[in-house]
PDB file of N, CA and C in Angstrom:
ATOM      1  N   MET A   1      85.785  59.264  98.109  1.00  0.00           N
ATOM      2  CA  MET A   1      84.365  59.427  97.910  1.00  0.00           C
ATOM      3  C   MET A   1      83.723  58.065  97.694  1.00  0.00           C
ATOM      4  N   ILE A   2      82.569  57.887  98.241  1.00  0.00           N
ATOM      5  CA  ILE A   2      81.797  56.671  98.003  1.00  0.00           C
ATOM      6  C   ILE A   2      80.406  57.103  97.551  1.00  0.00           C
ATOM      7  N   TYR A   3      79.952  56.540  96.443  1.00  0.00           N
ATOM      8  CA  TYR A   3      78.627  56.833  95.916  1.00  0.00           C
ATOM      9  C   TYR A   3      77.846  55.529  95.826  1.00  0.00           C
ATOM     10  N   PHE A   4      76.585  55.570  96.187  1.00  0.00           N
ATOM     11  CA  PHE A   4      75.721  54.406  96.103  1.00  0.00           C
ATOM     12  C   PHE A   4      74.603  54.649  95.097  1.00  0.00           C
ATOM     13  N   VAL A   5      74.226  53.609  94.397  1.00  0.00           N
ATOM     14  CA  VAL A   5      73.065  53.649  93.509  1.00  0.00           C
ATOM     15  C   VAL A   5      72.179  52.484  93.915  1.00  0.00           C
ATOM     16  N   ARG A   6      70.932  52.746  94.158  1.00  0.00           N
ATOM     17  CA  ARG A   6      69.999  51.677  94.499  1.00  0.00           C
ATOM     18  C   ARG A   6      68.875  51.665  93.471  1.00  0.00           C
ATOM     19  N   ARG A   7      68.632  50.499  92.919  1.00  0.00           N
ATOM     20  CA  ARG A   7      67.546  50.320  91.953  1.00  0.00           C
ATOM     21  C   ARG A   7      66.694  49.152  92.411  1.00  0.00           C
ATOM     22  N   SER A   8      65.415  49.283  92.268  1.00  0.00           N
ATOM     23  CA  SER A   8      64.509  48.190  92.603  1.00  0.00           C
ATOM     24  C   SER A   8      64.403  47.256  91.413  1.00  0.00           C
ATOM     25  N   PHE A   9      64.788  46.005  91.610  1.00  0.00           N
ATOM     26  CA  PHE A   9      64.684  45.016  90.545  1.00  0.00           C
ATOM     27  C   PHE A   9      63.227  44.870  90.111  1.00  0.00           C
ATOM     28  N   GLU A  10      62.304  44.925  91.045  1.00  0.00           N
ATOM     29  CA  GLU A  10      60.883  44.790  90.721  1.00  0.00           C
ATOM     30  C   GLU A  10      60.416  45.941  89.827  1.00  0.00           C
ATOM     31  N   ALA A  11      60.933  47.137  90.051  1.00  0.00           N
ATOM     32  CA  ALA A  11      60.523  48.289  89.248  1.00  0.00           C
ATOM     33  C   ALA A  11      61.024  48.177  87.818  1.00  0.00           C
ATOM     34  N   ASP A  12      62.130  47.478  87.609  1.00  0.00           N
ATOM     35  CA  ASP A  12      62.698  47.365  86.279  1.00  0.00           C
ATOM     36  C   ASP A  12      62.108  46.217  85.472  1.00  0.00           C
ATOM     37  N   LYS A  13      61.401  45.326  86.106  1.00  0.00           N
ATOM     38  CA  LYS A  13      60.649  44.243  85.467  1.00  0.00           C
ATOM     39  C   LYS A  13      61.481  43.111  84.866  1.00  0.00           C
ATOM     40  N   ASN A  14      62.661  43.381  84.376  1.00  0.00           N
ATOM     41  CA  ASN A  14      63.472  42.279  83.855  1.00  0.00           C
ATOM     42  C   ASN A  14      64.953  42.540  84.117  1.00  0.00           C
ATOM     43  N   LYS A  15      65.721  41.474  84.134  1.00  0.00           N
ATOM     44  CA  LYS A  15      67.129  41.542  84.520  1.00  0.00           C
ATOM     45  C   LYS A  15      67.970  42.399  83.569  1.00  0.00           C
ATOM     46  N   LEU A  16      67.747  42.289  82.257  1.00  0.00           N
ATOM     47  CA  LEU A  16      68.532  43.073  81.307  1.00  0.00           C
ATOM     48  C   LEU A  16      68.298  44.568  81.476  1.00  0.00           C
ATOM     49  N   ASN A  17      67.047  44.954  81.641  1.00  0.00           N
ATOM     50  CA  ASN A  17      66.734  46.364  81.850  1.00  0.00           C
ATOM     51  C   ASN A  17      67.316  46.849  83.174  1.00  0.00           C
ATOM     52  N   HIS A  18      67.248  45.981  84.184  1.00  0.00           N
ATOM     53  CA  HIS A  18      67.787  46.318  85.496  1.00  0.00           C
ATOM     54  C   HIS A  18      69.287  46.593  85.401  1.00  0.00           C
ATOM     55  N   LYS A  19      70.042  45.725  84.721  1.00  0.00           N
ATOM     56  CA  LYS A  19      71.481  45.917  84.554  1.00  0.00           C
ATOM     57  C   LYS A  19      71.773  47.203  83.773  1.00  0.00           C
ATOM     58  N   LYS A  20      70.978  47.468  82.752  1.00  0.00           N
ATOM     59  CA  LYS A  20      71.162  48.684  81.956  1.00  0.00           C
ATOM     60  C   LYS A  20      70.939  49.922  82.819  1.00  0.00           C
ATOM     61  N   GLN A  21      69.916  49.889  83.660  1.00  0.00           N
ATOM     62  CA  GLN A  21      69.632  51.024  84.541  1.00  0.00           C
ATOM     63  C   GLN A  21      70.773  51.246  85.530  1.00  0.00           C
ATOM     64  N   LEU A  22      71.327  50.157  86.086  1.00  0.00           N
ATOM     65  CA  LEU A  22      72.458  50.295  87.004  1.00  0.00           C
ATOM     66  C   LEU A  22      73.685  50.861  86.287  1.00  0.00           C
ATOM     67  N   LYS A  23      73.974  50.359  85.079  1.00  0.00           N
ATOM     68  CA  LYS A  23      75.120  50.865  84.315  1.00  0.00           C
ATOM     69  C   LYS A  23      74.963  52.352  84.039  1.00  0.00           C
ATOM     70  N   ASN A  24      73.777  52.776  83.645  1.00  0.00           N
ATOM     71  CA  ASN A  24      73.534  54.190  83.364  1.00  0.00           C
ATOM     72  C   ASN A  24      73.695  55.036  84.627  1.00  0.00           C
ATOM     73  N   ALA A  25      73.214  54.516  85.752  1.00  0.00           N
ATOM     74  CA  ALA A  25      73.347  55.245  87.013  1.00  0.00           C
ATOM     75  C   ALA A  25      74.810  55.365  87.420  1.00  0.00           C
ATOM     76  N   VAL A  26      75.565  54.280  87.272  1.00  0.00           N
ATOM     77  CA  VAL A  26      76.995  54.312  87.605  1.00  0.00           C
ATOM     78  C   VAL A  26      77.727  55.276  86.673  1.00  0.00           C
ATOM     79  N   ASP A  27      77.393  55.269  85.390  1.00  0.00           N
ATOM     80  CA  ASP A  27      78.003  56.214  84.454  1.00  0.00           C
ATOM     81  C   ASP A  27      77.760  57.656  84.900  1.00  0.00           C
ATOM     82  N   GLY A  28      76.553  57.941  85.334  1.00  0.00           N
ATOM     83  CA  GLY A  28      76.234  59.281  85.806  1.00  0.00           C
ATOM     84  C   GLY A  28      77.040  59.662  87.040  1.00  0.00           C
ATOM     85  N   ILE A  29      77.185  58.726  87.956  1.00  0.00           N
ATOM     86  CA  ILE A  29      77.960  58.981  89.169  1.00  0.00           C
ATOM     87  C   ILE A  29      79.432  59.204  88.825  1.00  0.00           C
ATOM     88  N   LEU A  30      79.989  58.339  87.952  1.00  0.00           N
ATOM     89  CA  LEU A  30      81.391  58.507  87.548  1.00  0.00           C
ATOM     90  C   LEU A  30      81.600  59.855  86.861  1.00  0.00           C
ATOM     91  N   LYS A  31      80.662  60.220  86.000  1.00  0.00           N
ATOM     92  CA  LYS A  31      80.773  61.499  85.291  1.00  0.00           C
ATOM     93  C   LYS A  31      80.808  62.657  86.287  1.00  0.00           C
ATOM     94  N   ASN A  32      79.917  62.633  87.276  1.00  0.00           N
ATOM     95  CA  ASN A  32      79.877  63.699  88.282  1.00  0.00           C
ATOM     96  C   ASN A  32      81.131  63.705  89.150  1.00  0.00           C
ATOM     97  N   ALA A  33      81.570  62.531  89.575  1.00  0.00           N
ATOM     98  CA  ALA A  33      82.760  62.447  90.437  1.00  0.00           C
ATOM     99  C   ALA A  33      83.999  62.946  89.698  1.00  0.00           C
ATOM    100  N   PHE A  34      84.174  62.517  88.456  1.00  0.00           N
ATOM    101  CA  PHE A  34      85.336  62.956  87.689  1.00  0.00           C
ATOM    102  C   PHE A  34      85.249  64.440  87.334  1.00  0.00           C
ATOM    103  N   ALA A  35      84.041  64.945  87.111  1.00  0.00           N
ATOM    104  CA  ALA A  35      83.875  66.372  86.810  1.00  0.00           C
ATOM    105  C   ALA A  35      84.360  67.219  87.983  1.00  0.00           C
ATOM    106  N   LYS A  36      84.145  66.741  89.211  1.00  0.00           N
ATOM    107  CA  LYS A  36      84.625  67.472  90.388  1.00  0.00           C
ATOM    108  C   LYS A  36      86.148  67.544  90.414  1.00  0.00           C
ATOM    109  N   MET A  37      86.802  66.623  89.713  1.00  0.00           N
ATOM    110  CA  MET A  37      88.263  66.620  89.635  1.00  0.00           C
ATOM    111  C   MET A  37      88.737  67.265  88.337  1.00  0.00           C
ATOM    112  N   GLY A  38      87.805  67.824  87.550  1.00  0.00           N
ATOM    113  CA  GLY A  38      88.160  68.484  86.301  1.00  0.00           C
ATOM    114  C   GLY A  38      88.456  67.523  85.163  1.00  0.00           C
ATOM    115  N   ILE A  39      87.902  66.308  85.247  1.00  0.00           N
ATOM    116  CA  ILE A  39      88.164  65.273  84.239  1.00  0.00           C
ATOM    117  C   ILE A  39      86.873  64.979  83.482  1.00  0.00           C
ATOM    118  N   ASP A  40      86.938  65.032  82.153  1.00  0.00           N
ATOM    119  CA  ASP A  40      85.787  64.650  81.338  1.00  0.00           C
ATOM    120  C   ASP A  40      85.723  63.125  81.282  1.00  0.00           C
ATOM    121  N   TYR A  41      84.533  62.570  81.480  1.00  0.00           N
ATOM    122  CA  TYR A  41      84.349  61.111  81.483  1.00  0.00           C
ATOM    123  C   TYR A  41      83.312  60.718  80.450  1.00  0.00           C
ATOM    124  N   SER A  42      83.576  59.632  79.752  1.00  0.00           N
ATOM    125  CA  SER A  42      82.566  58.999  78.908  1.00  0.00           C
ATOM    126  C   SER A  42      82.752  57.489  79.037  1.00  0.00           C
ATOM    127  N   ARG A  43      81.700  56.752  78.817  1.00  0.00           N
ATOM    128  CA  ARG A  43      81.747  55.292  78.949  1.00  0.00           C
ATOM    129  C   ARG A  43      82.812  54.682  78.043  1.00  0.00           C
ATOM    130  N   GLN A  44      83.107  55.313  76.918  1.00  0.00           N
ATOM    131  CA  GLN A  44      84.101  54.794  75.990  1.00  0.00           C
ATOM    132  C   GLN A  44      85.498  54.794  76.612  1.00  0.00           C
ATOM    133  N   GLN A  45      85.738  55.642  77.609  1.00  0.00           N
ATOM    134  CA  GLN A  45      87.038  55.697  78.269  1.00  0.00           C
ATOM    135  C   GLN A  45      87.199  54.598  79.312  1.00  0.00           C
ATOM    136  N   LEU A  46      86.109  53.987  79.737  1.00  0.00           N
ATOM    137  CA  LEU A  46      86.143  52.994  80.804  1.00  0.00           C
ATOM    138  C   LEU A  46      86.665  51.666  80.276  1.00  0.00           C
ATOM    139  N   CYS A  47      87.739  51.187  80.879  1.00  0.00           N
ATOM    140  CA  CYS A  47      88.349  49.914  80.506  1.00  0.00           C
ATOM    141  C   CYS A  47      88.484  49.053  81.763  1.00  0.00           C
ATOM    142  N   PHE A  48      88.772  47.782  81.569  1.00  0.00           N
ATOM    143  CA  PHE A  48      88.959  46.865  82.687  1.00  0.00           C
ATOM    144  C   PHE A  48      90.223  46.055  82.453  1.00  0.00           C
ATOM    145  N   ASN A  49      91.026  45.881  83.514  1.00  0.00           N
ATOM    146  CA  ASN A  49      92.236  45.078  83.361  1.00  0.00           C
ATOM    147  C   ASN A  49      91.884  43.588  83.445  1.00  0.00           C
ATOM    148  N   SER A  50      92.876  42.729  83.405  1.00  0.00           N
ATOM    149  CA  SER A  50      92.634  41.270  83.385  1.00  0.00           C
ATOM    150  C   SER A  50      91.988  40.763  84.671  1.00  0.00           C
ATOM    151  N   TYR A  51      92.035  41.549  85.745  1.00  0.00           N
ATOM    152  CA  TYR A  51      91.404  41.172  87.017  1.00  0.00           C
ATOM    153  C   TYR A  51      90.013  41.789  87.167  1.00  0.00           C
ATOM    154  N   GLY A  52      89.572  42.557  86.169  1.00  0.00           N
ATOM    155  CA  GLY A  52      88.262  43.203  86.229  1.00  0.00           C
ATOM    156  C   GLY A  52      88.284  44.577  86.887  1.00  0.00           C
ATOM    157  N   LYS A  53      89.458  45.070  87.233  1.00  0.00           N
ATOM    158  CA  LYS A  53      89.576  46.393  87.864  1.00  0.00           C
ATOM    159  C   LYS A  53      89.382  47.478  86.803  1.00  0.00           C
ATOM    160  N   PRO A  54      88.477  48.438  87.061  1.00  0.00           N
ATOM    161  CA  PRO A  54      88.229  49.490  86.068  1.00  0.00           C
ATOM    162  C   PRO A  54      89.329  50.549  86.067  1.00  0.00           C
ATOM    163  N   TYR A  55      89.514  51.165  84.922  1.00  0.00           N
ATOM    164  CA  TYR A  55      90.417  52.301  84.798  1.00  0.00           C
ATOM    165  C   TYR A  55      89.986  53.128  83.595  1.00  0.00           C
ATOM    166  N   LEU A  56      90.426  54.372  83.570  1.00  0.00           N
ATOM    167  CA  LEU A  56      90.149  55.232  82.430  1.00  0.00           C
ATOM    168  C   LEU A  56      91.286  55.087  81.433  1.00  0.00           C
ATOM    169  N   ASP A  57      90.926  54.902  80.183  1.00  0.00           N
ATOM    170  CA  ASP A  57      91.898  54.670  79.125  1.00  0.00           C
ATOM    171  C   ASP A  57      92.973  55.758  79.071  1.00  0.00           C
ATOM    172  N   ASN A  58      92.578  56.990  79.283  1.00  0.00           N
ATOM    173  CA  ASN A  58      93.516  58.107  79.157  1.00  0.00           C
ATOM    174  C   ASN A  58      94.058  58.610  80.497  1.00  0.00           C
ATOM    175  N   ARG A  59      93.694  57.965  81.623  1.00  0.00           N
ATOM    176  CA  ARG A  59      94.136  58.407  82.950  1.00  0.00           C
ATOM    177  C   ARG A  59      94.531  57.224  83.836  1.00  0.00           C
ATOM    178  N   PRO A  60      95.628  56.532  83.536  1.00  0.00           N
ATOM    179  CA  PRO A  60      96.046  55.393  84.352  1.00  0.00           C
ATOM    180  C   PRO A  60      96.512  55.797  85.751  1.00  0.00           C
ATOM    181  N   ASP A  61      96.639  57.092  86.008  1.00  0.00           N
ATOM    182  CA  ASP A  61      97.069  57.583  87.319  1.00  0.00           C
ATOM    183  C   ASP A  61      95.920  57.698  88.316  1.00  0.00           C
ATOM    184  N   ILE A  62      94.687  57.471  87.870  1.00  0.00           N
ATOM    185  CA  ILE A  62      93.512  57.578  88.740  1.00  0.00           C
ATOM    186  C   ILE A  62      93.006  56.181  89.057  1.00  0.00           C
ATOM    187  N   PHE A  63      92.808  55.914  90.352  1.00  0.00           N
ATOM    188  CA  PHE A  63      92.380  54.593  90.799  1.00  0.00           C
ATOM    189  C   PHE A  63      90.986  54.676  91.413  1.00  0.00           C
ATOM    190  N   PHE A  64      90.108  53.756  91.016  1.00  0.00           N
ATOM    191  CA  PHE A  64      88.746  53.698  91.549  1.00  0.00           C
ATOM    192  C   PHE A  64      88.236  52.276  91.370  1.00  0.00           C
ATOM    193  N   ASN A  65      87.093  51.991  91.935  1.00  0.00           N
ATOM    194  CA  ASN A  65      86.511  50.663  91.817  1.00  0.00           C
ATOM    195  C   ASN A  65      85.003  50.780  91.664  1.00  0.00           C
ATOM    196  N   ILE A  66      84.410  49.752  91.089  1.00  0.00           N
ATOM    197  CA  ILE A  66      82.960  49.648  90.934  1.00  0.00           C
ATOM    198  C   ILE A  66      82.560  48.278  91.456  1.00  0.00           C
ATOM    199  N   SER A  67      81.536  48.236  92.277  1.00  0.00           N
ATOM    200  CA  SER A  67      81.042  46.963  92.790  1.00  0.00           C
ATOM    201  C   SER A  67      79.524  46.965  92.651  1.00  0.00           C
ATOM    202  N   HIS A  68      78.943  45.799  92.462  1.00  0.00           N
ATOM    203  CA  HIS A  68      77.491  45.740  92.332  1.00  0.00           C
ATOM    204  C   HIS A  68      76.952  44.389  92.795  1.00  0.00           C
ATOM    205  N   CYS A  69      75.701  44.406  93.137  1.00  0.00           N
ATOM    206  CA  CYS A  69      74.928  43.202  93.435  1.00  0.00           C
ATOM    207  C   CYS A  69      73.502  43.531  93.008  1.00  0.00           C
ATOM    208  N   GLU A  70      72.591  42.632  93.169  1.00  0.00           N
ATOM    209  CA  GLU A  70      71.219  42.885  92.732  1.00  0.00           C
ATOM    210  C   GLU A  70      70.644  44.106  93.453  1.00  0.00           C
ATOM    211  N   GLY A  71      70.365  45.137  92.678  1.00  0.00           N
ATOM    212  CA  GLY A  71      69.718  46.321  93.209  1.00  0.00           C
ATOM    213  C   GLY A  71      70.628  47.401  93.750  1.00  0.00           C
ATOM    214  N   LEU A  72      71.957  47.159  93.791  1.00  0.00           N
ATOM    215  CA  LEU A  72      72.847  48.141  94.378  1.00  0.00           C
ATOM    216  C   LEU A  72      74.161  48.180  93.623  1.00  0.00           C
ATOM    217  N   ALA A  73      74.661  49.382  93.396  1.00  0.00           N
ATOM    218  CA  ALA A  73      75.988  49.577  92.806  1.00  0.00           C
ATOM    219  C   ALA A  73      76.709  50.607  93.658  1.00  0.00           C
ATOM    220  N   VAL A  74      78.011  50.420  93.813  1.00  0.00           N
ATOM    221  CA  VAL A  74      78.841  51.312  94.609  1.00  0.00           C
ATOM    222  C   VAL A  74      80.023  51.728  93.764  1.00  0.00           C
TER     223      VAL A  74
END
């Protein structure tokens, strides 16, 4: 599955708010994607290894990635 989130930097007015909006959108997408697999997700479960690769604290058997640039998260 691939999910995209697009946010207008101009609509968010400042960089910190823009990053917060993208994080919230990605959290929502992860929650929905994991729910389809019967997995409860919360931001507290999200961890990153030494290379920056995300993983769920309680589910090391599930592999996924998050990528972002200005205005877009995948």
